[in-house]
Amino acid sequence: MVLDLSTDALLLATLIFCLRILNTGIGTIRLVIVTRQQRLLAAVLAFFEALLFAITISSVATDLNNIMNLLAYCGGFSVGNYVGMVLEKRFITSFMTVNVVCSDKGHLVATALREHGFGVTETLGEGKDGAVTLLRSVVINREVPKMLHIIRTTHADAFVAVEEARAVHRGWVRAARNAH
C-alpha cells in the first residue's frame, strides 16, 4: 500500500471523493425516478451516473495500492448514499398511504386527523374479533410522523400500516390543500 501525501495526490483523492458522492447521489435519485416510471429522466440520470462511475473507478482501479484513492472512493460512496437520501427526502415529493384498523375509537381517530387537516376515508369492516373501522389516508411522506403521533395519541392500540403510494390521482392531500 502506498500513502502519497503530495498536493497532486490529495487533489486527486478529493476529486475522486467528490465525484463518487455525486455519482452515488445521482444513483439514489435515479432509483426513485425509475419507480415512478419517468423513463426519459431516469435514462438521462443513468448516463451521468455511468459516466461519473467510469471516471472514478478508472482513477482507483489503475492503482489499487494507492490507499488514499481507495479511501476516497469508499468514503465518497458512503457519503453519497447519505446525500442522495437527504436530497430525495427534501426535494422529491413522495406519497404514503396510511391504513388504520381500529376495533373501537375509529371515528374518534378519523375526527382527530380531520381536525389536523388530514383527509381520511372511513369504512366499516369485519376483523377476527368482530366489527372494525378501517381508515385510509394518502399523505406526503413528510407528514407521516405527525399523522402517526395523532393516531397513537388518540388510540394507542390501533393497527397502522404505512406503504408508499406509487401514483396519486385526484383527491385531497393535506399539503396540497386542494383537489388535483
Protein backbone atom coordinates (compact mmCIF):
# COMPACT_ATOMS: atom_id res chain seq x y z
CA MET A 1 0.00 0.00 0.00
CA VAL A 2 1.20 3.49 -0.89
CA LEU A 3 0.39 6.61 1.11
CA ASP A 4 1.31 9.56 -1.08
CA LEU A 5 0.55 12.90 0.64
CA SER A 6 1.71 15.20 -2.16
CA THR A 7 -0.55 18.03 -3.27
CA ASP A 8 -1.40 16.27 -6.53
CA ALA A 9 -2.29 13.04 -4.72
CA LEU A 10 -4.51 14.88 -2.23
CA LEU A 11 -6.25 16.78 -5.03
CA LEU A 12 -6.89 13.56 -6.93
CA ALA A 13 -8.28 11.87 -3.80
CA THR A 14 -10.52 14.87 -3.15
CA LEU A 15 -11.75 14.79 -6.75
CA ILE A 16 -12.46 11.06 -6.51
CA PHE A 17 -14.31 11.61 -3.22
CA CYS A 18 -16.47 14.42 -4.65
CA LEU A 19 -17.22 12.64 -7.94
CA ARG A 20 -18.18 9.48 -6.03
CA ILE A 21 -20.58 11.49 -3.84
CA LEU A 22 -22.15 12.97 -6.96
CA ASN A 23 -22.24 9.57 -8.69
CA THR A 24 -23.95 7.82 -5.78
CA GLY A 25 -26.32 10.71 -5.09
CA ILE A 26 -27.47 10.64 -8.71
CA GLY A 27 -27.92 6.88 -8.46
CA THR A 28 -30.15 7.19 -5.41
CA ILE A 29 -32.33 9.81 -7.09
CA ARG A 30 -32.43 7.74 -10.29
CA LEU A 31 -33.83 4.76 -8.41
CA VAL A 32 -36.68 6.90 -7.09
CA ILE A 33 -37.34 8.20 -10.60
CA VAL A 34 -37.36 4.64 -12.01
CA THR A 35 -40.02 3.54 -9.51
CA ARG A 36 -42.17 6.44 -10.73
CA GLN A 37 -41.90 5.30 -14.34
CA GLN A 38 -40.21 8.51 -15.56
CA ARG A 39 -38.21 6.74 -18.23
CA LEU A 40 -36.55 9.66 -20.02
CA LEU A 41 -35.32 11.37 -16.85
CA ALA A 42 -34.14 8.01 -15.48
CA ALA A 43 -32.19 7.37 -18.71
CA VAL A 44 -30.51 10.80 -18.60
CA LEU A 45 -29.55 10.33 -14.93
CA ALA A 46 -28.26 6.82 -15.72
CA PHE A 47 -25.98 8.27 -18.41
CA PHE A 48 -24.38 10.73 -16.00
CA GLU A 49 -24.22 8.14 -13.23
CA ALA A 50 -22.34 5.75 -15.53
CA LEU A 51 -20.03 8.50 -16.78
CA LEU A 52 -19.08 9.54 -13.24
CA PHE A 53 -18.63 5.92 -12.23
CA ALA A 54 -16.31 5.26 -15.18
CA ILE A 55 -14.19 8.30 -14.33
CA THR A 56 -13.90 7.47 -10.63
CA ILE A 57 -13.33 3.72 -10.96
CA SER A 58 -10.65 4.22 -13.60
CA SER A 59 -8.79 6.52 -11.21
CA VAL A 60 -8.88 3.90 -8.49
CA ALA A 61 -8.57 0.63 -10.43
CA THR A 62 -5.35 1.67 -12.18
CA ASP A 63 -3.52 1.72 -8.84
CA LEU A 64 -5.17 -0.43 -6.18
CA ASN A 65 -2.15 0.07 -3.90
CA ASN A 66 -2.98 3.77 -3.51
CA ILE A 67 -4.72 3.76 -0.13
CA MET A 68 -5.72 7.44 -0.35
CA ASN A 69 -7.68 6.89 -3.58
CA LEU A 70 -9.29 3.72 -2.20
CA LEU A 71 -10.40 5.54 0.95
CA ALA A 72 -11.69 8.49 -1.10
CA TYR A 73 -13.66 6.13 -3.36
CA CYS A 74 -15.23 4.21 -0.46
CA GLY A 75 -15.84 7.33 1.60
CA GLY A 76 -17.46 9.07 -1.36
CA PHE A 77 -19.79 6.10 -1.84
CA SER A 78 -20.79 6.19 1.82
CA VAL A 79 -21.36 9.95 1.94
CA GLY A 80 -23.07 9.83 -1.48
CA ASN A 81 -25.70 7.42 -0.16
CA TYR A 82 -26.44 9.78 2.70
CA VAL A 83 -26.55 12.82 0.40
CA GLY A 84 -28.86 11.00 -2.03
CA MET A 85 -31.30 10.15 0.77
CA VAL A 86 -31.26 13.75 2.04
CA LEU A 87 -31.91 15.06 -1.48
CA GLU A 88 -34.71 12.56 -2.02
CA LYS A 89 -36.40 13.46 1.26
CA ARG A 90 -36.00 17.20 0.70
CA PHE A 91 -36.76 17.65 -2.99
CA ILE A 92 -38.78 14.67 -4.19
CA THR A 93 -42.37 14.52 -3.04
CA SER A 94 -43.47 11.00 -2.20
CA PHE A 95 -46.93 9.99 -1.18
CA MET A 96 -47.66 7.43 1.51
CA THR A 97 -50.88 5.53 2.15
CA VAL A 98 -51.67 5.21 5.84
CA ASN A 99 -54.11 2.41 6.72
CA VAL A 100 -55.50 2.27 10.25
CA VAL A 101 -57.65 -0.52 11.71
CA CYS A 102 -59.50 0.23 14.94
CA SER A 103 -61.71 -2.17 16.90
CA ASP A 104 -63.08 0.88 18.69
CA LYS A 105 -62.49 4.65 18.56
CA GLY A 106 -62.19 4.56 14.75
CA HIS A 107 -64.45 7.56 14.22
CA LEU A 108 -62.64 9.40 17.04
CA VAL A 109 -59.29 8.85 15.28
CA ALA A 110 -60.75 9.99 11.95
CA THR A 111 -62.16 13.13 13.56
CA ALA A 112 -58.83 13.94 15.24
CA LEU A 113 -57.00 13.52 11.91
CA ARG A 114 -59.53 15.72 10.10
CA GLU A 115 -59.19 18.40 12.80
CA HIS A 116 -55.47 18.49 11.97
CA GLY A 117 -56.16 18.90 8.26
CA PHE A 118 -55.79 15.32 7.02
CA GLY A 119 -58.25 13.76 4.59
CA VAL A 120 -59.49 10.40 5.85
CA THR A 121 -61.86 7.80 4.43
CA GLU A 122 -63.76 5.66 6.96
CA THR A 123 -65.02 2.20 6.10
CA LEU A 124 -66.69 -0.36 8.32
CA GLY A 125 -65.24 -3.85 8.13
CA GLU A 126 -65.12 -7.20 9.84
CA GLY A 127 -61.98 -8.32 11.66
CA LYS A 128 -61.05 -11.52 13.50
CA ASP A 129 -62.84 -10.39 16.65
CA GLY A 130 -65.77 -8.53 15.10
CA ALA A 131 -66.54 -5.11 13.65
CA VAL A 132 -63.67 -2.71 12.93
CA THR A 133 -63.31 0.73 11.43
CA LEU A 134 -60.85 1.00 8.55
CA LEU A 135 -59.28 4.40 7.99
CA ARG A 136 -57.31 5.25 4.87
CA SER A 137 -55.42 8.41 4.06
CA VAL A 138 -52.85 9.49 1.48
CA VAL A 139 -50.28 11.95 2.79
CA ILE A 140 -46.97 13.44 1.75
CA ASN A 141 -44.14 11.38 3.27
CA ARG A 142 -43.02 14.27 5.49
CA GLU A 143 -46.47 14.28 7.15
CA VAL A 144 -46.40 10.61 8.23
CA PRO A 145 -44.72 11.19 11.64
CA LYS A 146 -47.30 13.85 12.54
CA MET A 147 -50.16 11.60 11.47
CA LEU A 148 -48.79 8.64 13.44
CA HIS A 149 -48.46 10.82 16.53
CA ILE A 150 -52.11 11.88 16.25
CA ILE A 151 -53.23 8.26 15.78
CA ARG A 152 -51.16 6.99 18.74
CA THR A 153 -52.35 9.85 20.96
CA THR A 154 -55.99 9.18 20.10
CA HIS A 155 -55.91 5.36 20.07
CA ALA A 156 -52.65 3.73 21.18
CA ASP A 157 -53.84 0.21 20.25
CA ALA A 158 -54.77 0.97 16.64
CA PHE A 159 -53.16 -1.20 13.97
CA VAL A 160 -51.31 1.03 11.49
CA ALA A 161 -49.72 0.07 8.17
CA VAL A 162 -47.87 2.63 6.04
CA GLU A 163 -46.96 1.96 2.43
CA GLU A 164 -45.70 4.01 -0.48
CA ALA A 165 -48.33 5.11 -2.97
CA ARG A 166 -46.93 4.69 -6.48
CA ALA A 167 -49.31 7.15 -8.07
CA VAL A 168 -51.88 9.61 -6.75
CA HIS A 169 -54.62 10.97 -8.99
CA ARG A 170 -57.18 13.49 -7.80
CA GLY A 171 -58.48 13.51 -4.25
CA TRP A 172 -57.33 15.66 -1.35
CA VAL A 173 -53.86 15.69 0.18
CA ARG A 174 -53.12 17.86 3.22
CA ALA A 175 -50.07 19.73 1.87
CA ALA A 176 -51.77 20.41 -1.46
CA ARG A 177 -54.88 21.87 0.25
CA ASN A 178 -56.98 21.24 -2.86
CA ALA A 179 -58.20 18.57 -5.25
CA HIS A 180 -55.97 17.59 -8.18
